[in-house]
Each structure stands twice: as structure tokens, then as C-alpha cells.
N, C-alpha and C. Protein backbone atom coordinates (compact mmCIF):
# COMPACT_ATOMS: atom_id res chain seq x y z
N MET A 1 1.12 -1.23 -0.12
CA MET A 1 -0.27 0.30 0.41
C MET A 1 0.87 1.36 -0.29
N PRO A 2 0.46 2.33 -0.96
CA PRO A 2 1.50 3.10 -1.13
C PRO A 2 1.18 4.26 0.06
N MET A 3 2.22 5.10 0.27
CA MET A 3 2.88 5.54 1.61
C MET A 3 2.55 7.03 1.50
N LYS A 4 1.99 7.32 2.84
CA LYS A 4 1.81 8.96 2.50
C LYS A 4 3.64 10.08 2.36
N PRO A 5 3.96 10.62 2.22
CA PRO A 5 5.18 11.58 2.89
C PRO A 5 5.12 11.97 4.24
N GLN A 6 4.49 11.62 4.97
CA GLN A 6 4.43 12.43 6.22
C GLN A 6 4.39 10.59 6.97
N GLU A 7 4.39 10.03 6.52
CA GLU A 7 3.81 8.43 6.75
C GLU A 7 5.05 8.36 6.60
N MET A 8 6.23 8.43 5.53
CA MET A 8 7.52 7.80 5.43
C MET A 8 7.81 8.02 6.73
N ILE A 9 7.90 10.12 6.34
CA ILE A 9 9.10 10.59 7.73
C ILE A 9 8.49 10.19 8.96
N ARG A 10 7.49 9.62 9.67
CA ARG A 10 7.41 9.06 10.54
C ARG A 10 7.80 8.26 11.59
N LEU A 11 8.05 7.46 9.85
CA LEU A 11 8.90 5.77 10.19
C LEU A 11 10.61 5.98 9.96
N LEU A 12 10.68 7.18 9.57
CA LEU A 12 12.13 7.31 9.59
C LEU A 12 12.60 7.50 10.41
N LYS A 13 10.90 8.39 11.14
CA LYS A 13 12.10 9.16 12.94
C LYS A 13 12.29 8.14 13.69
N LYS A 14 11.27 6.89 13.75
CA LYS A 14 11.11 5.41 14.77
C LYS A 14 12.32 5.72 13.82
N ASN A 15 13.46 4.57 13.47
CA ASN A 15 14.35 3.95 13.00
C ASN A 15 15.56 5.49 13.55
N GLY A 16 15.19 5.66 14.04
CA GLY A 16 16.28 7.18 14.21
C GLY A 16 16.84 8.61 13.65
N PHE A 17 16.56 8.89 12.45
CA PHE A 17 16.69 9.79 11.62
C PHE A 17 16.08 11.27 11.44
N ILE A 18 17.09 11.92 11.57
CA ILE A 18 16.49 13.31 12.03
C ILE A 18 16.36 14.55 10.81
N LYS A 19 15.36 15.33 10.99
CA LYS A 19 15.03 16.19 9.82
C LYS A 19 16.72 17.15 9.92
N ILE A 20 17.31 17.49 8.86
CA ILE A 20 18.59 18.47 9.00
C ILE A 20 18.18 19.38 7.88
N SER A 21 18.39 19.73 7.23
CA SER A 21 17.35 20.38 6.47
C SER A 21 15.70 20.54 5.26
N GLN A 22 15.60 21.59 4.78
CA GLN A 22 14.64 21.53 3.94
C GLN A 22 14.83 22.40 3.02
N ASN A 23 14.60 21.83 1.88
CA ASN A 23 14.99 23.05 0.83
C ASN A 23 13.48 23.10 0.06
N GLY A 24 11.99 23.63 0.02
CA GLY A 24 11.74 23.27 -1.00
C GLY A 24 10.22 22.65 -0.62
N SER A 25 9.78 21.68 -0.87
CA SER A 25 8.84 20.80 -0.81
C SER A 25 9.46 19.32 -0.84
N HIS A 26 11.29 19.21 -0.40
CA HIS A 26 12.04 17.84 -0.01
C HIS A 26 13.01 18.39 1.04
N VAL A 27 13.09 17.35 2.41
CA VAL A 27 13.53 17.27 2.94
C VAL A 27 14.58 16.30 3.36
N LYS A 28 15.61 16.56 3.70
CA LYS A 28 16.93 16.01 3.93
C LYS A 28 17.01 15.00 5.41
N MET A 29 17.20 13.78 5.42
CA MET A 29 16.78 12.93 7.06
C MET A 29 17.83 12.77 6.73
N LYS A 30 18.66 12.90 8.12
CA LYS A 30 19.28 12.01 8.39
C LYS A 30 19.80 11.24 9.61
N ASN A 31 20.52 9.54 9.54
CA ASN A 31 20.82 8.78 10.86
C ASN A 31 22.67 9.17 11.40
N PHE A 32 22.70 9.80 11.85
CA PHE A 32 24.42 10.01 12.33
C PHE A 32 24.81 8.63 13.01
N LYS A 33 24.09 7.65 13.73
CA LYS A 33 24.80 6.72 14.00
C LYS A 33 24.95 5.80 12.87
N THR A 34 24.32 5.67 11.54
CA THR A 34 24.51 5.05 10.53
C THR A 34 25.32 5.72 9.46
N GLY A 35 25.28 6.85 9.26
CA GLY A 35 25.32 7.78 8.04
C GLY A 35 24.66 8.01 7.06
N LYS A 36 23.68 7.25 7.34
CA LYS A 36 22.82 7.34 5.93
C LYS A 36 22.07 8.56 5.85
N GLN A 37 21.44 9.23 4.69
CA GLN A 37 20.89 10.44 4.07
C GLN A 37 19.93 10.22 3.19
N THR A 38 18.85 10.51 3.18
CA THR A 38 17.72 10.29 2.46
C THR A 38 16.74 11.45 2.13
N THR A 39 16.38 11.84 1.07
CA THR A 39 15.35 12.85 0.92
C THR A 39 13.94 12.81 0.91
N VAL A 40 13.15 12.73 1.40
CA VAL A 40 11.99 12.74 1.24
C VAL A 40 10.99 13.98 0.65
N PRO A 41 10.35 13.49 -0.57
CA PRO A 41 9.32 14.36 -1.07
C PRO A 41 8.37 14.86 -0.24
N LEU A 42 8.05 16.50 0.07
CA LEU A 42 6.25 16.57 1.03
C LEU A 42 5.78 17.27 0.07
N HIS A 43 5.08 16.26 -0.53
CA HIS A 43 3.67 16.16 -1.74
C HIS A 43 1.89 15.93 -1.37
N SER A 44 1.24 16.73 -1.63
CA SER A 44 0.27 15.95 -1.00
C SER A 44 -0.56 14.53 -1.15
N LYS A 45 0.56 13.91 -2.57
CA LYS A 45 -0.55 12.96 -3.20
C LYS A 45 0.95 11.72 -2.44
N ASP A 46 0.46 10.30 -2.54
CA ASP A 46 0.81 9.22 -2.23
C ASP A 46 2.55 8.81 -2.83
N LEU A 47 2.91 8.50 -2.11
CA LEU A 47 5.38 8.33 -2.91
C LEU A 47 4.53 7.23 -3.95
N LYS A 48 4.95 7.13 -4.89
CA LYS A 48 4.65 6.26 -5.99
C LYS A 48 5.80 4.54 -4.50
N LYS A 49 4.88 3.80 -5.62
CA LYS A 49 5.97 2.67 -5.37
C LYS A 49 8.02 2.31 -5.44
N GLY A 50 8.57 2.91 -6.72
CA GLY A 50 9.91 3.16 -7.12
C GLY A 50 10.61 4.02 -5.90
N LEU A 51 9.61 4.72 -5.81
CA LEU A 51 10.28 6.13 -5.19
C LEU A 51 10.52 5.49 -3.08
N GLU A 52 9.44 4.93 -3.27
CA GLU A 52 8.94 4.27 -1.83
C GLU A 52 10.31 3.56 -1.47
N ASP A 53 10.32 2.53 -2.19
CA ASP A 53 12.09 1.36 -2.24
C ASP A 53 12.63 2.29 -1.86
N ALA A 54 13.38 2.95 -2.80
CA ALA A 54 14.53 3.95 -3.25
C ALA A 54 15.18 4.75 -1.75
N ILE A 55 13.80 5.64 -0.89
CA ILE A 55 13.97 5.80 0.36
C ILE A 55 14.07 4.68 0.92
N LEU A 56 13.25 3.79 1.12
CA LEU A 56 14.00 2.65 2.27
C LEU A 56 15.49 2.28 2.07
N LYS A 57 15.68 2.00 1.03
CA LYS A 57 17.03 1.28 0.87
C LYS A 57 17.83 2.27 0.44
N GLN A 58 18.02 3.89 0.33
CA GLN A 58 19.20 4.42 0.78
C GLN A 58 18.88 4.49 2.38
N ALA A 59 18.09 4.30 3.30
CA ALA A 59 17.30 4.22 4.34
C ALA A 59 18.30 3.41 5.11
N GLY A 60 18.33 2.17 4.79
CA GLY A 60 18.86 0.73 4.92
C GLY A 60 17.91 -0.13 5.30
N LEU A 61 16.64 0.17 5.43
CA LEU A 61 15.15 0.06 5.88
C LEU A 61 14.81 -1.48 4.39
N LYS A 62 15.94 -1.47 3.55
CA LYS A 62 14.77 -2.56 3.14
C LYS A 62 15.90 -3.20 2.45
């Protein structure tokens, strides 16, 4: 089931990521323990499956 961007941010925060910056409609999140970093677009629509998978892979959660 597709996720909303806010749900993705919540999931990342639960896994140790914090917001390091925001540029327009994109939020950069980083986990300082693992050194992993990813960017989440803040749009009102659901994230597409490919983008969702890419964010999770960059975060080391998939």
C-alpha cells in the first residue's frame, strides 16, 4: 500500500533519522549512527512504489 510522505518521515524518525534541512518541498533526513541520508518529497499525493522503495533502500531499511 502506498505511503504518504508524512508516513515515510514518521517511519524514518522511528528508525533514528532526524530532519537536517528542508529545501522547498523536499526534506533531508539523516541517521548519524549509520551515516545514511535520504530525501523525502513533501507532496500531498502518495509516494510512488519505486520512490518509496528507493527511500527505504537509501535508509538501509529494505
